Amino acid sequence: MQFTSAQDLALFKGKIVDESNKGIEGANIAVEGEKGGAISDRKGYFSIDVPANKAVSYTHLRAHETRGN
């Protein structure tokens, strides 16, 4: 990802879970319209830098795509 300054970014942290609240390993987390992204760890946790006014989505084989701002 390429940005003009660190002030344009917010660190977004979260956890991807299944229906039983178990962490999902290997989910792909992406910022819409940007290259790169993050992958959730073995407990489902992730962190990613997100520019202002951009949506974040995740995908995984066990889950449908989900999008949010």
N, C-alpha and C. Protein backbone atom coordinates (compact mmCIF):
# COMPACT_ATOMS: atom_id res chain seq x y z
N MET A 1 0.84 -1.17 0.00
CA MET A 1 0.00 0.00 0.00
C MET A 1 0.89 1.23 0.00
N GLN A 2 0.40 2.28 -0.63
CA GLN A 2 1.19 3.50 -0.72
C GLN A 2 0.33 4.69 -0.29
N PHE A 3 0.83 5.45 0.68
CA PHE A 3 0.10 6.58 1.21
C PHE A 3 1.04 7.76 1.37
N THR A 4 0.47 8.95 1.52
CA THR A 4 1.29 10.14 1.62
C THR A 4 1.89 10.32 3.01
N SER A 5 1.18 9.93 4.06
CA SER A 5 1.73 10.05 5.40
C SER A 5 1.06 9.06 6.33
N ALA A 6 1.72 8.82 7.46
CA ALA A 6 1.16 7.90 8.45
C ALA A 6 -0.13 8.45 9.05
N GLN A 7 -0.33 9.76 9.00
CA GLN A 7 -1.54 10.35 9.55
C GLN A 7 -2.77 9.98 8.73
N ASP A 8 -2.59 9.54 7.51
CA ASP A 8 -3.71 9.15 6.65
C ASP A 8 -4.23 7.76 6.98
N LEU A 9 -3.56 7.06 7.91
CA LEU A 9 -3.88 5.66 8.20
C LEU A 9 -4.40 5.47 9.62
N ALA A 10 -5.22 4.46 9.79
CA ALA A 10 -5.65 4.03 11.12
C ALA A 10 -5.35 2.54 11.22
N LEU A 11 -4.82 2.11 12.36
CA LEU A 11 -4.57 0.69 12.58
C LEU A 11 -5.89 0.03 12.96
N PHE A 12 -6.29 -0.95 12.18
CA PHE A 12 -7.54 -1.68 12.39
C PHE A 12 -7.18 -3.08 12.86
N LYS A 13 -7.61 -3.44 14.07
CA LYS A 13 -7.34 -4.77 14.63
C LYS A 13 -8.66 -5.48 14.84
N GLY A 14 -8.63 -6.79 14.73
CA GLY A 14 -9.86 -7.55 14.96
C GLY A 14 -9.60 -9.03 15.05
N LYS A 15 -10.70 -9.77 15.11
CA LYS A 15 -10.64 -11.22 15.17
C LYS A 15 -11.75 -11.76 14.29
N ILE A 16 -11.41 -12.70 13.42
CA ILE A 16 -12.37 -13.37 12.56
C ILE A 16 -12.77 -14.66 13.27
N VAL A 17 -14.08 -14.84 13.48
CA VAL A 17 -14.57 -16.04 14.18
C VAL A 17 -15.67 -16.73 13.38
N ASP A 18 -15.87 -18.01 13.69
CA ASP A 18 -16.97 -18.76 13.06
C ASP A 18 -18.22 -18.67 13.92
N GLU A 19 -19.24 -19.44 13.57
CA GLU A 19 -20.53 -19.40 14.27
C GLU A 19 -20.41 -19.78 15.74
N SER A 20 -19.42 -20.58 16.08
CA SER A 20 -19.23 -21.01 17.47
C SER A 20 -18.20 -20.13 18.20
N ASN A 21 -17.87 -18.99 17.61
CA ASN A 21 -16.93 -18.01 18.18
C ASN A 21 -15.49 -18.52 18.23
N LYS A 22 -15.17 -19.51 17.42
CA LYS A 22 -13.80 -20.03 17.32
C LYS A 22 -13.05 -19.21 16.28
N GLY A 23 -11.81 -18.82 16.58
CA GLY A 23 -11.01 -18.03 15.65
C GLY A 23 -10.75 -18.76 14.34
N ILE A 24 -10.79 -18.03 13.24
CA ILE A 24 -10.56 -18.61 11.92
C ILE A 24 -9.16 -18.21 11.45
N GLU A 25 -8.30 -19.21 11.28
CA GLU A 25 -6.95 -18.99 10.79
C GLU A 25 -6.94 -18.86 9.27
N GLY A 26 -6.10 -17.96 8.75
CA GLY A 26 -5.89 -17.87 7.31
C GLY A 26 -6.90 -17.06 6.54
N ALA A 27 -7.75 -16.28 7.23
CA ALA A 27 -8.67 -15.40 6.52
C ALA A 27 -7.89 -14.26 5.87
N ASN A 28 -8.28 -13.87 4.67
CA ASN A 28 -7.63 -12.77 3.97
C ASN A 28 -8.38 -11.48 4.27
N ILE A 29 -7.66 -10.47 4.79
CA ILE A 29 -8.26 -9.19 5.11
C ILE A 29 -7.66 -8.17 4.14
N ALA A 30 -8.52 -7.40 3.48
CA ALA A 30 -8.05 -6.47 2.46
C ALA A 30 -8.76 -5.13 2.57
N VAL A 31 -8.07 -4.08 2.14
CA VAL A 31 -8.65 -2.75 2.02
C VAL A 31 -9.10 -2.61 0.58
N GLU A 32 -10.38 -2.27 0.38
CA GLU A 32 -10.90 -2.16 -0.98
C GLU A 32 -10.10 -1.16 -1.81
N GLY A 33 -9.75 -1.58 -3.01
CA GLY A 33 -9.03 -0.72 -3.93
C GLY A 33 -7.53 -0.63 -3.68
N GLU A 34 -7.01 -1.38 -2.72
CA GLU A 34 -5.58 -1.35 -2.39
C GLU A 34 -4.98 -2.73 -2.61
N LYS A 35 -3.68 -2.75 -2.89
CA LYS A 35 -2.95 -4.01 -3.02
C LYS A 35 -2.47 -4.44 -1.64
N GLY A 36 -2.22 -5.72 -1.49
CA GLY A 36 -1.72 -6.24 -0.23
C GLY A 36 -2.86 -6.51 0.72
N GLY A 37 -2.53 -6.64 1.98
CA GLY A 37 -3.54 -6.92 2.99
C GLY A 37 -2.92 -7.64 4.16
N ALA A 38 -3.74 -8.40 4.88
CA ALA A 38 -3.28 -9.14 6.04
C ALA A 38 -3.95 -10.51 6.04
N ILE A 39 -3.40 -11.41 6.84
CA ILE A 39 -3.96 -12.75 7.01
C ILE A 39 -4.11 -12.99 8.50
N SER A 40 -5.26 -13.53 8.91
CA SER A 40 -5.49 -13.79 10.33
C SER A 40 -4.57 -14.91 10.83
N ASP A 41 -4.15 -14.79 12.09
CA ASP A 41 -3.25 -15.79 12.68
C ASP A 41 -4.04 -17.03 13.11
N ARG A 42 -3.39 -17.95 13.78
CA ARG A 42 -4.03 -19.23 14.11
C ARG A 42 -5.20 -19.09 15.08
N LYS A 43 -5.29 -17.94 15.78
CA LYS A 43 -6.41 -17.70 16.68
C LYS A 43 -7.44 -16.75 16.07
N GLY A 44 -7.21 -16.33 14.81
CA GLY A 44 -8.15 -15.48 14.11
C GLY A 44 -7.87 -13.99 14.19
N TYR A 45 -6.82 -13.60 14.91
CA TYR A 45 -6.50 -12.17 15.07
C TYR A 45 -5.75 -11.62 13.87
N PHE A 46 -5.95 -10.33 13.60
CA PHE A 46 -5.25 -9.64 12.51
C PHE A 46 -5.13 -8.16 12.86
N SER A 47 -4.24 -7.48 12.13
CA SER A 47 -4.16 -6.02 12.17
C SER A 47 -3.75 -5.54 10.79
N ILE A 48 -4.29 -4.39 10.41
CA ILE A 48 -4.02 -3.85 9.08
C ILE A 48 -4.16 -2.33 9.13
N ASP A 49 -3.30 -1.62 8.41
CA ASP A 49 -3.41 -0.17 8.28
C ASP A 49 -4.46 0.15 7.23
N VAL A 50 -5.38 1.05 7.58
CA VAL A 50 -6.49 1.38 6.69
C VAL A 50 -6.56 2.89 6.49
N PRO A 51 -6.59 3.34 5.23
CA PRO A 51 -6.75 4.77 4.97
C PRO A 51 -8.17 5.23 5.33
N ALA A 52 -8.29 6.51 5.64
CA ALA A 52 -9.60 7.08 5.97
C ALA A 52 -10.58 6.83 4.83
N ASN A 53 -11.82 6.58 5.18
CA ASN A 53 -12.93 6.40 4.24
C ASN A 53 -12.78 5.20 3.30
N LYS A 54 -12.02 4.19 3.71
CA LYS A 54 -11.88 2.97 2.92
C LYS A 54 -12.56 1.81 3.64
N ALA A 55 -13.16 0.92 2.89
CA ALA A 55 -13.82 -0.26 3.45
C ALA A 55 -12.83 -1.41 3.57
N VAL A 56 -13.07 -2.26 4.54
CA VAL A 56 -12.26 -3.46 4.76
C VAL A 56 -13.15 -4.67 4.53
N SER A 57 -12.61 -5.69 3.88
CA SER A 57 -13.37 -6.93 3.68
C SER A 57 -12.49 -8.12 4.03
N TYR A 58 -13.14 -9.25 4.30
CA TYR A 58 -12.36 -10.47 4.52
C TYR A 58 -13.02 -11.62 3.78
N THR A 59 -12.20 -12.57 3.43
CA THR A 59 -12.69 -13.79 2.79
C THR A 59 -11.95 -14.99 3.40
N HIS A 60 -12.63 -16.12 3.38
CA HIS A 60 -12.03 -17.37 3.84
C HIS A 60 -12.86 -18.50 3.25
N LEU A 61 -12.25 -19.64 3.09
CA LEU A 61 -12.97 -20.79 2.53
C LEU A 61 -14.17 -21.18 3.36
N ARG A 62 -14.13 -20.95 4.68
CA ARG A 62 -15.23 -21.31 5.56
C ARG A 62 -16.27 -20.21 5.71
N ALA A 63 -16.03 -19.05 5.09
CA ALA A 63 -16.93 -17.91 5.28
C ALA A 63 -17.21 -17.23 3.95
N HIS A 64 -18.35 -16.57 3.87
CA HIS A 64 -18.65 -15.74 2.70
C HIS A 64 -17.92 -14.42 2.85
N GLU A 65 -17.76 -13.68 1.76
CA GLU A 65 -17.12 -12.38 1.85
C GLU A 65 -17.96 -11.44 2.69
N THR A 66 -17.30 -10.70 3.55
CA THR A 66 -17.95 -9.72 4.41
C THR A 66 -17.25 -8.39 4.26
N ARG A 67 -18.03 -7.32 4.19
CA ARG A 67 -17.46 -5.99 3.95
C ARG A 67 -17.98 -5.04 5.02
N GLY A 68 -17.12 -4.12 5.43
CA GLY A 68 -17.54 -3.11 6.40
C GLY A 68 -16.64 -1.89 6.34
N ASN A 69 -17.16 -0.75 6.83
CA ASN A 69 -16.35 0.47 6.89
C ASN A 69 -16.14 0.78 8.35
